Amino acid sequence: MAKRKKNKNKSSRLLSNKAWWAGGLFVAAVYILVFYFFFVGPTGFRWHALYGDVNYPEGFEIQGIDVSHYQGNIDWEKLRNAMIGKAPVRFIIVKATEGASVVDEKFSDNFNNAREYGFIRGAYHFYSVRSAARDQAHFFLEKVKLEEGDLPPVLDVEHKPEELTTEEFQKDVLTWLHIVEDKYDVKPIIYTYYKFKQQYLSDSRFDDYPYWIAHYYASKLEYKGEWKFWQHTDAGKLPGINGYVDFNIYNGSYYDLKQLTIK
């Protein structure tokens, strides 16, 4: 009887160990699949380099960066002649506002210095799910004064409020775009990432807006629609900037880029 009980306990332990290992392997497999789908796959977004040096997509001559308070105090003298690969930095897009009450603490310095040091500059608004679209648009217009030669205003939209339907969300985004467009008489640029564009902004009402697509660590942009800018890494390094900075390319010539600016 004791031997039978001992064998029974041993069998139970073996089954328990097998179940534990099976569960662990299942969790690991799910984690790997999720990580690949969202961050490493051809439509992945916002992950830092695992493979060392930044790749420079070929066939594009116009390079630029975007900056915010995360870049700290920029040494503009050093940045003035910075190169991305073999091309000079031509444009800088600066974070200006977020929601209906936040101004980036480095906006004024970055925005003014970008023009003073000879870059084509732009300003972007980070869309918040906690504020009304109309309030956000008027707040952006109150705090940002774009001038002739600046890039069109940019709406950075990466999140949808959970309580809104896709149609309601699209209506809010269009509200921001229309208010700002009426002010500057130019189509604002929409910044987003590939998956978000496909899921929430694939509507013909957005087709006339220039797109700035985020898609990191890929030699080719998988997005099939029309686009003006591609943010291809968040791990760029340049003289004058401590830490990482986003690298972007413009899909066209320098003349085309100048033509895109506010007249």
C-alpha atoms as a PDB file:
ATOM      1  CA  MET A   1       0.000   0.000   0.000  1.00  0.00           C
ATOM      2  CA  ALA A   2       2.820   2.453   0.924  1.00  0.00           C
ATOM      3  CA  LYS A   3       4.679   1.664  -2.296  1.00  0.00           C
ATOM      4  CA  ARG A   4       1.511   2.243  -4.358  1.00  0.00           C
ATOM      5  CA  LYS A   5       0.973   5.577  -2.577  1.00  0.00           C
ATOM      6  CA  LYS A   6       4.596   6.554  -3.195  1.00  0.00           C
ATOM      7  CA  ASN A   7       4.264   5.773  -6.918  1.00  0.00           C
ATOM      8  CA  LYS A   8       1.017   7.720  -7.046  1.00  0.00           C
ATOM      9  CA  ASN A   9       2.675  10.785  -5.487  1.00  0.00           C
ATOM     10  CA  LYS A  10       5.588  10.503  -7.918  1.00  0.00           C
ATOM     11  CA  SER A  11       3.186  10.359 -10.862  1.00  0.00           C
ATOM     12  CA  SER A  12       1.339  13.415  -9.557  1.00  0.00           C
ATOM     13  CA  ARG A  13       4.593  15.362  -9.288  1.00  0.00           C
ATOM     14  CA  LEU A  14       5.556  14.391 -12.837  1.00  0.00           C
ATOM     15  CA  LEU A  15       2.179  15.504 -14.172  1.00  0.00           C
ATOM     16  CA  SER A  16       2.435  18.733 -12.201  1.00  0.00           C
ATOM     17  CA  ASN A  17       5.925  19.432 -13.597  1.00  0.00           C
ATOM     18  CA  LYS A  18       4.775  18.731 -17.143  1.00  0.00           C
ATOM     19  CA  ALA A  19       1.782  21.031 -16.710  1.00  0.00           C
ATOM     20  CA  TRP A  20       4.046  23.768 -15.316  1.00  0.00           C
ATOM     21  CA  TRP A  21       6.477  23.490 -18.229  1.00  0.00           C
ATOM     22  CA  ALA A  22       3.652  23.371 -20.771  1.00  0.00           C
ATOM     23  CA  GLY A  23       2.092  26.486 -19.266  1.00  0.00           C
ATOM     24  CA  GLY A  24       5.427  28.278 -19.207  1.00  0.00           C
ATOM     25  CA  LEU A  25       6.146  27.439 -22.838  1.00  0.00           C
ATOM     26  CA  PHE A  26       2.672  28.596 -23.852  1.00  0.00           C
ATOM     27  CA  VAL A  27       3.110  31.963 -22.092  1.00  0.00           C
ATOM     28  CA  ALA A  28       6.557  32.399 -23.669  1.00  0.00           C
ATOM     29  CA  ALA A  29       5.204  31.611 -27.139  1.00  0.00           C
ATOM     30  CA  VAL A  30       2.356  34.111 -26.736  1.00  0.00           C
ATOM     31  CA  TYR A  31       4.801  36.773 -25.530  1.00  0.00           C
ATOM     32  CA  ILE A  32       7.101  36.226 -28.509  1.00  0.00           C
ATOM     33  CA  LEU A  33       4.210  36.400 -30.979  1.00  0.00           C
ATOM     34  CA  VAL A  34       2.809  39.577 -29.422  1.00  0.00           C
ATOM     35  CA  PHE A  35       6.244  41.212 -29.301  1.00  0.00           C
ATOM     36  CA  TYR A  36       6.905  40.367 -32.939  1.00  0.00           C
ATOM     37  CA  PHE A  37       3.473  41.499 -34.116  1.00  0.00           C
ATOM     38  CA  PHE A  38       3.571  44.886 -32.426  1.00  0.00           C
ATOM     39  CA  PHE A  39       7.250  45.771 -32.424  1.00  0.00           C
ATOM     40  CA  VAL A  40       9.422  43.740 -34.777  1.00  0.00           C
ATOM     41  CA  GLY A  41       7.149  42.822 -37.672  1.00  0.00           C
ATOM     42  CA  PRO A  42       7.048  44.824 -40.891  1.00  0.00           C
ATOM     43  CA  THR A  43       4.329  47.095 -39.496  1.00  0.00           C
ATOM     44  CA  GLY A  44       5.848  47.428 -36.027  1.00  0.00           C
ATOM     45  CA  PHE A  45       6.158  50.773 -34.267  1.00  0.00           C
ATOM     46  CA  ARG A  46       8.172  52.413 -31.506  1.00  0.00           C
ATOM     47  CA  TRP A  47      10.828  49.997 -30.363  1.00  0.00           C
ATOM     48  CA  HIS A  48      14.522  50.670 -29.833  1.00  0.00           C
ATOM     49  CA  ALA A  49      17.211  49.083 -31.947  1.00  0.00           C
ATOM     50  CA  LEU A  50      18.151  45.504 -31.250  1.00  0.00           C
ATOM     51  CA  TYR A  51      20.573  45.233 -34.145  1.00  0.00           C
ATOM     52  CA  GLY A  52      23.088  47.984 -33.440  1.00  0.00           C
ATOM     53  CA  ASP A  53      23.514  50.856 -35.868  1.00  0.00           C
ATOM     54  CA  VAL A  54      20.606  52.771 -37.363  1.00  0.00           C
ATOM     55  CA  ASN A  55      19.659  51.821 -40.918  1.00  0.00           C
ATOM     56  CA  TYR A  56      19.373  54.621 -43.482  1.00  0.00           C
ATOM     57  CA  PRO A  57      16.685  53.942 -46.089  1.00  0.00           C
ATOM     58  CA  GLU A  58      18.118  54.307 -49.581  1.00  0.00           C
ATOM     59  CA  GLY A  59      16.820  56.551 -52.336  1.00  0.00           C
ATOM     60  CA  PHE A  60      15.919  59.576 -50.205  1.00  0.00           C
ATOM     61  CA  GLU A  61      18.008  62.738 -50.178  1.00  0.00           C
ATOM     62  CA  ILE A  62      16.087  64.983 -47.758  1.00  0.00           C
ATOM     63  CA  GLN A  63      16.666  64.207 -44.085  1.00  0.00           C
ATOM     64  CA  GLY A  64      15.235  65.747 -40.924  1.00  0.00           C
ATOM     65  CA  ILE A  65      14.501  65.268 -37.245  1.00  0.00           C
ATOM     66  CA  ASP A  66      11.754  66.006 -34.741  1.00  0.00           C
ATOM     67  CA  VAL A  67      12.484  67.283 -31.238  1.00  0.00           C
ATOM     68  CA  SER A  68      10.778  68.046 -27.945  1.00  0.00           C
ATOM     69  CA  HIS A  69      11.769  68.571 -24.314  1.00  0.00           C
ATOM     70  CA  TYR A  70      13.012  64.970 -24.320  1.00  0.00           C
ATOM     71  CA  GLN A  71      16.103  66.148 -26.206  1.00  0.00           C
ATOM     72  CA  GLY A  72      16.935  68.609 -23.411  1.00  0.00           C
ATOM     73  CA  ASN A  73      19.138  71.601 -24.192  1.00  0.00           C
ATOM     74  CA  ILE A  74      20.245  71.370 -27.814  1.00  0.00           C
ATOM     75  CA  ASP A  75      23.599  72.800 -28.902  1.00  0.00           C
ATOM     76  CA  TRP A  76      22.433  74.451 -32.103  1.00  0.00           C
ATOM     77  CA  GLU A  77      25.926  75.448 -33.219  1.00  0.00           C
ATOM     78  CA  LYS A  78      26.887  71.782 -33.336  1.00  0.00           C
ATOM     79  CA  LEU A  79      23.583  70.741 -34.851  1.00  0.00           C
ATOM     80  CA  ARG A  80      23.800  73.364 -37.617  1.00  0.00           C
ATOM     81  CA  ASN A  81      26.051  71.219 -39.820  1.00  0.00           C
ATOM     82  CA  ALA A  82      24.911  67.783 -38.650  1.00  0.00           C
ATOM     83  CA  MET A  83      24.617  64.977 -41.177  1.00  0.00           C
ATOM     84  CA  ILE A  84      22.302  61.976 -41.256  1.00  0.00           C
ATOM     85  CA  GLY A  85      24.232  59.430 -43.226  1.00  0.00           C
ATOM     86  CA  LYS A  86      25.625  61.417 -46.142  1.00  0.00           C
ATOM     87  CA  ALA A  87      22.908  64.082 -46.181  1.00  0.00           C
ATOM     88  CA  PRO A  88      22.538  67.286 -44.141  1.00  0.00           C
ATOM     89  CA  VAL A  89      19.640  67.836 -41.772  1.00  0.00           C
ATOM     90  CA  ARG A  90      17.185  69.946 -43.783  1.00  0.00           C
ATOM     91  CA  PHE A  91      14.097  70.184 -41.590  1.00  0.00           C
ATOM     92  CA  ILE A  92      13.191  70.075 -37.894  1.00  0.00           C
ATOM     93  CA  ILE A  93       9.664  69.505 -36.601  1.00  0.00           C
ATOM     94  CA  VAL A  94       9.152  70.708 -33.038  1.00  0.00           C
ATOM     95  CA  LYS A  95       6.629  69.534 -30.460  1.00  0.00           C
ATOM     96  CA  ALA A  96       4.460  72.514 -29.568  1.00  0.00           C
ATOM     97  CA  THR A  97       1.339  71.532 -27.652  1.00  0.00           C
ATOM     98  CA  GLU A  98      -0.522  68.601 -26.154  1.00  0.00           C
ATOM     99  CA  GLY A  99      -4.193  68.431 -25.319  1.00  0.00           C
ATOM    100  CA  ALA A 100      -5.854  71.721 -24.434  1.00  0.00           C
ATOM    101  CA  SER A 101      -3.450  72.972 -21.768  1.00  0.00           C
ATOM    102  CA  VAL A 102       0.136  71.742 -22.219  1.00  0.00           C
ATOM    103  CA  VAL A 103       2.893  73.608 -24.055  1.00  0.00           C
ATOM    104  CA  ASP A 104       6.153  71.715 -24.479  1.00  0.00           C
ATOM    105  CA  GLU A 105       8.661  73.376 -22.183  1.00  0.00           C
ATOM    106  CA  LYS A 106      11.287  73.578 -24.945  1.00  0.00           C
ATOM    107  CA  PHE A 107       8.931  74.653 -27.732  1.00  0.00           C
ATOM    108  CA  SER A 108       9.793  78.344 -27.859  1.00  0.00           C
ATOM    109  CA  ASP A 109      13.567  77.778 -27.791  1.00  0.00           C
ATOM    110  CA  ASN A 110      13.493  74.921 -30.286  1.00  0.00           C
ATOM    111  CA  PHE A 111      11.074  76.604 -32.669  1.00  0.00           C
ATOM    112  CA  ASN A 112      12.939  79.914 -32.769  1.00  0.00           C
ATOM    113  CA  ASN A 113      16.387  78.319 -33.031  1.00  0.00           C
ATOM    114  CA  ALA A 114      15.316  75.997 -35.832  1.00  0.00           C
ATOM    115  CA  ARG A 115      14.616  79.012 -38.043  1.00  0.00           C
ATOM    116  CA  GLU A 116      17.581  81.050 -36.801  1.00  0.00           C
ATOM    117  CA  TYR A 117      19.991  78.240 -37.683  1.00  0.00           C
ATOM    118  CA  GLY A 118      18.652  77.812 -41.194  1.00  0.00           C
ATOM    119  CA  PHE A 119      16.411  74.747 -40.969  1.00  0.00           C
ATOM    120  CA  ILE A 120      12.959  74.426 -42.464  1.00  0.00           C
ATOM    121  CA  ARG A 121      10.849  74.154 -39.336  1.00  0.00           C
ATOM    122  CA  GLY A 122       7.462  72.800 -38.381  1.00  0.00           C
ATOM    123  CA  ALA A 123       5.353  72.423 -35.247  1.00  0.00           C
ATOM    124  CA  TYR A 124       3.198  69.538 -34.095  1.00  0.00           C
ATOM    125  CA  HIS A 125       0.320  69.048 -31.683  1.00  0.00           C
ATOM    126  CA  PHE A 126      -0.008  65.791 -29.742  1.00  0.00           C
ATOM    127  CA  TYR A 127      -3.681  64.807 -29.782  1.00  0.00           C
ATOM    128  CA  SER A 128      -5.056  63.935 -26.343  1.00  0.00           C
ATOM    129  CA  VAL A 129      -7.971  61.597 -25.641  1.00  0.00           C
ATOM    130  CA  ARG A 130      -8.817  63.690 -22.559  1.00  0.00           C
ATOM    131  CA  SER A 131      -9.705  66.978 -24.272  1.00  0.00           C
ATOM    132  CA  ALA A 132     -12.261  68.070 -26.859  1.00  0.00           C
ATOM    133  CA  ALA A 133     -10.886  68.321 -30.384  1.00  0.00           C
ATOM    134  CA  ARG A 134     -12.189  71.873 -30.802  1.00  0.00           C
ATOM    135  CA  ASP A 135     -10.475  73.024 -27.595  1.00  0.00           C
ATOM    136  CA  GLN A 136      -7.221  71.394 -28.675  1.00  0.00           C
ATOM    137  CA  ALA A 137      -7.303  73.080 -32.085  1.00  0.00           C
ATOM    138  CA  HIS A 138      -7.895  76.547 -30.635  1.00  0.00           C
ATOM    139  CA  PHE A 139      -5.204  75.975 -28.010  1.00  0.00           C
ATOM    140  CA  PHE A 140      -2.692  75.059 -30.722  1.00  0.00           C
ATOM    141  CA  LEU A 141      -3.585  78.166 -32.743  1.00  0.00           C
ATOM    142  CA  GLU A 142      -3.253  80.320 -29.639  1.00  0.00           C
ATOM    143  CA  LYS A 143       0.239  79.063 -28.783  1.00  0.00           C
ATOM    144  CA  VAL A 144       1.762  78.471 -32.231  1.00  0.00           C
ATOM    145  CA  LYS A 145       2.347  81.200 -34.792  1.00  0.00           C
ATOM    146  CA  LEU A 146       3.512  79.626 -38.033  1.00  0.00           C
ATOM    147  CA  GLU A 147       5.090  81.897 -40.621  1.00  0.00           C
ATOM    148  CA  GLU A 148       5.815  81.886 -44.327  1.00  0.00           C
ATOM    149  CA  GLY A 149       8.366  79.189 -45.080  1.00  0.00           C
ATOM    150  CA  ASP A 150       7.269  76.948 -42.200  1.00  0.00           C
ATOM    151  CA  LEU A 151       5.882  73.475 -42.779  1.00  0.00           C
ATOM    152  CA  PRO A 152       2.105  73.047 -42.449  1.00  0.00           C
ATOM    153  CA  PRO A 153       0.836  72.380 -38.903  1.00  0.00           C
ATOM    154  CA  VAL A 154       1.095  68.759 -37.805  1.00  0.00           C
ATOM    155  CA  LEU A 155      -1.419  66.660 -35.865  1.00  0.00           C
ATOM    156  CA  ASP A 156       0.217  63.761 -34.024  1.00  0.00           C
ATOM    157  CA  VAL A 157      -2.571  61.241 -33.432  1.00  0.00           C
ATOM    158  CA  GLU A 158      -1.723  57.870 -31.919  1.00  0.00           C
ATOM    159  CA  HIS A 159      -4.599  56.992 -29.583  1.00  0.00           C
ATOM    160  CA  LYS A 160      -8.377  56.659 -29.829  1.00  0.00           C
ATOM    161  CA  PRO A 161     -10.651  57.231 -26.809  1.00  0.00           C
ATOM    162  CA  GLU A 162     -12.096  53.870 -25.802  1.00  0.00           C
ATOM    163  CA  GLU A 163     -15.568  55.307 -25.308  1.00  0.00           C
ATOM    164  CA  LEU A 164     -15.826  56.626 -28.884  1.00  0.00           C
ATOM    165  CA  THR A 165     -16.724  54.690 -31.986  1.00  0.00           C
ATOM    166  CA  THR A 166     -14.340  54.894 -34.922  1.00  0.00           C
ATOM    167  CA  GLU A 167     -16.780  57.190 -36.729  1.00  0.00           C
ATOM    168  CA  GLU A 168     -17.025  59.530 -33.723  1.00  0.00           C
ATOM    169  CA  PHE A 169     -13.260  59.565 -33.374  1.00  0.00           C
ATOM    170  CA  GLN A 170     -12.791  60.379 -37.046  1.00  0.00           C
ATOM    171  CA  LYS A 171     -15.240  63.257 -36.706  1.00  0.00           C
ATOM    172  CA  ASP A 172     -13.186  64.682 -33.811  1.00  0.00           C
ATOM    173  CA  VAL A 173      -9.921  64.392 -35.740  1.00  0.00           C
ATOM    174  CA  LEU A 174     -11.517  66.149 -38.713  1.00  0.00           C
ATOM    175  CA  THR A 175     -12.741  68.906 -36.386  1.00  0.00           C
ATOM    176  CA  TRP A 176      -9.147  69.656 -35.371  1.00  0.00           C
ATOM    177  CA  LEU A 177      -7.932  69.486 -38.957  1.00  0.00           C
ATOM    178  CA  HIS A 178     -10.660  71.755 -40.339  1.00  0.00           C
ATOM    179  CA  ILE A 179     -10.228  74.454 -37.672  1.00  0.00           C
ATOM    180  CA  VAL A 180      -6.471  74.626 -38.171  1.00  0.00           C
ATOM    181  CA  GLU A 181      -6.797  74.398 -41.962  1.00  0.00           C
ATOM    182  CA  ASP A 182      -9.175  77.367 -41.995  1.00  0.00           C
ATOM    183  CA  LYS A 183      -6.600  79.424 -40.100  1.00  0.00           C
ATOM    184  CA  TYR A 184      -3.610  78.731 -42.353  1.00  0.00           C
ATOM    185  CA  ASP A 185      -5.383  77.845 -45.606  1.00  0.00           C
ATOM    186  CA  VAL A 186      -3.211  74.748 -45.940  1.00  0.00           C
ATOM    187  CA  LYS A 187      -3.826  71.061 -45.291  1.00  0.00           C
ATOM    188  CA  PRO A 188      -2.299  70.003 -41.938  1.00  0.00           C
ATOM    189  CA  ILE A 189       0.027  67.013 -41.905  1.00  0.00           C
ATOM    190  CA  ILE A 190      -1.194  63.894 -40.091  1.00  0.00           C
ATOM    191  CA  TYR A 191       1.433  62.012 -38.099  1.00  0.00           C
ATOM    192  CA  THR A 192       0.547  58.468 -37.103  1.00  0.00           C
ATOM    193  CA  TYR A 193       1.836  54.931 -37.380  1.00  0.00           C
ATOM    194  CA  TYR A 194       0.914  52.367 -39.984  1.00  0.00           C
ATOM    195  CA  LYS A 195      -1.373  50.151 -37.897  1.00  0.00           C
ATOM    196  CA  PHE A 196      -3.262  53.114 -36.451  1.00  0.00           C
ATOM    197  CA  LYS A 197      -3.764  54.612 -39.902  1.00  0.00           C
ATOM    198  CA  GLN A 198      -5.115  51.334 -41.240  1.00  0.00           C
ATOM    199  CA  GLN A 199      -7.418  50.754 -38.288  1.00  0.00           C
ATOM    200  CA  TYR A 200      -8.858  54.199 -37.593  1.00  0.00           C
ATOM    201  CA  LEU A 201      -8.049  56.673 -40.382  1.00  0.00           C
ATOM    202  CA  SER A 202      -8.703  54.632 -43.522  1.00  0.00           C
ATOM    203  CA  ASP A 203     -11.480  56.894 -44.709  1.00  0.00           C
ATOM    204  CA  SER A 204     -11.612  58.873 -47.947  1.00  0.00           C
ATOM    205  CA  ARG A 205     -12.094  62.105 -45.961  1.00  0.00           C
ATOM    206  CA  PHE A 206      -8.443  61.897 -44.903  1.00  0.00           C
ATOM    207  CA  ASP A 207      -7.025  61.158 -48.348  1.00  0.00           C
ATOM    208  CA  ASP A 208      -6.188  64.779 -49.180  1.00  0.00           C
ATOM    209  CA  TYR A 209      -4.004  65.283 -46.109  1.00  0.00           C
ATOM    210  CA  PRO A 210      -0.229  64.787 -46.233  1.00  0.00           C
ATOM    211  CA  TYR A 211       0.899  61.832 -44.135  1.00  0.00           C
ATOM    212  CA  TRP A 212       3.906  61.431 -41.859  1.00  0.00           C
ATOM    213  CA  ILE A 213       4.174  57.701 -41.120  1.00  0.00           C
ATOM    214  CA  ALA A 214       6.113  56.170 -38.231  1.00  0.00           C
ATOM    215  CA  HIS A 215       7.603  52.771 -39.059  1.00  0.00           C
ATOM    216  CA  TYR A 216      10.868  51.872 -37.367  1.00  0.00           C
ATOM    217  CA  TYR A 217      13.825  49.713 -38.353  1.00  0.00           C
ATOM    218  CA  ALA A 218      12.740  48.702 -41.799  1.00  0.00           C
ATOM    219  CA  SER A 219      14.512  49.214 -45.114  1.00  0.00           C
ATOM    220  CA  LYS A 220      11.175  49.767 -46.829  1.00  0.00           C
ATOM    221  CA  LEU A 221       7.998  51.479 -45.696  1.00  0.00           C
ATOM    222  CA  GLU A 222       5.169  48.958 -45.871  1.00  0.00           C
ATOM    223  CA  TYR A 223       2.480  51.635 -46.015  1.00  0.00           C
ATOM    224  CA  LYS A 224       1.000  51.611 -49.529  1.00  0.00           C
ATOM    225  CA  GLY A 225      -0.755  54.982 -49.575  1.00  0.00           C
ATOM    226  CA  GLU A 226       0.566  58.444 -50.382  1.00  0.00           C
ATOM    227  CA  TRP A 227       2.995  59.836 -47.809  1.00  0.00           C
ATOM    228  CA  LYS A 228       5.287  62.843 -47.379  1.00  0.00           C
ATOM    229  CA  PHE A 229       7.432  61.928 -44.358  1.00  0.00           C
ATOM    230  CA  TRP A 230       8.703  58.672 -42.890  1.00  0.00           C
ATOM    231  CA  GLN A 231       9.949  58.508 -39.306  1.00  0.00           C
ATOM    232  CA  HIS A 232      12.202  55.493 -39.604  1.00  0.00           C
ATOM    233  CA  THR A 233      13.982  55.378 -36.236  1.00  0.00           C
ATOM    234  CA  ASP A 234      13.753  56.748 -32.713  1.00  0.00           C
ATOM    235  CA  ALA A 235      17.390  55.943 -31.935  1.00  0.00           C
ATOM    236  CA  GLY A 236      19.299  58.449 -34.062  1.00  0.00           C
ATOM    237  CA  LYS A 237      22.387  60.199 -32.717  1.00  0.00           C
ATOM    238  CA  LEU A 238      23.567  63.673 -33.764  1.00  0.00           C
ATOM    239  CA  PRO A 239      26.136  66.202 -32.535  1.00  0.00           C
ATOM    240  CA  GLY A 240      24.512  68.822 -30.340  1.00  0.00           C
ATOM    241  CA  ILE A 241      21.849  66.453 -28.991  1.00  0.00           C
ATOM    242  CA  ASN A 242      22.382  64.298 -25.939  1.00  0.00           C
ATOM    243  CA  GLY A 243      20.639  60.963 -26.164  1.00  0.00           C
ATOM    244  CA  TYR A 244      18.448  59.722 -28.977  1.00  0.00           C
ATOM    245  CA  VAL A 245      16.486  61.676 -31.559  1.00  0.00           C
ATOM    246  CA  ASP A 246      13.972  60.626 -34.224  1.00  0.00           C
ATOM    247  CA  PHE A 247      15.218  60.514 -37.827  1.00  0.00           C
ATOM    248  CA  ASN A 248      12.851  61.301 -40.688  1.00  0.00           C
ATOM    249  CA  ILE A 249      13.015  61.387 -44.458  1.00  0.00           C
ATOM    250  CA  TYR A 250      11.003  63.473 -46.882  1.00  0.00           C
ATOM    251  CA  ASN A 251       9.544  61.729 -49.910  1.00  0.00           C
ATOM    252  CA  GLY A 252      10.676  64.161 -52.573  1.00  0.00           C
ATOM    253  CA  SER A 253      13.263  66.769 -53.508  1.00  0.00           C
ATOM    254  CA  TYR A 254      14.319  69.837 -51.564  1.00  0.00           C
ATOM    255  CA  TYR A 255      12.344  71.921 -54.045  1.00  0.00           C
ATOM    256  CA  ASP A 256       9.252  69.801 -53.289  1.00  0.00           C
ATOM    257  CA  LEU A 257       9.771  70.310 -49.572  1.00  0.00           C
ATOM    258  CA  LYS A 258       9.967  74.082 -50.050  1.00  0.00           C
ATOM    259  CA  GLN A 259       6.779  73.976 -52.121  1.00  0.00           C
ATOM    260  CA  LEU A 260       5.003  72.220 -49.246  1.00  0.00           C
ATOM    261  CA  THR A 261       5.679  75.118 -46.869  1.00  0.00           C
ATOM    262  CA  ILE A 262       3.244  77.896 -45.985  1.00  0.00           C
ATOM    263  CA  LYS A 263       3.163  80.692 -48.549  1.00  0.00           C
END
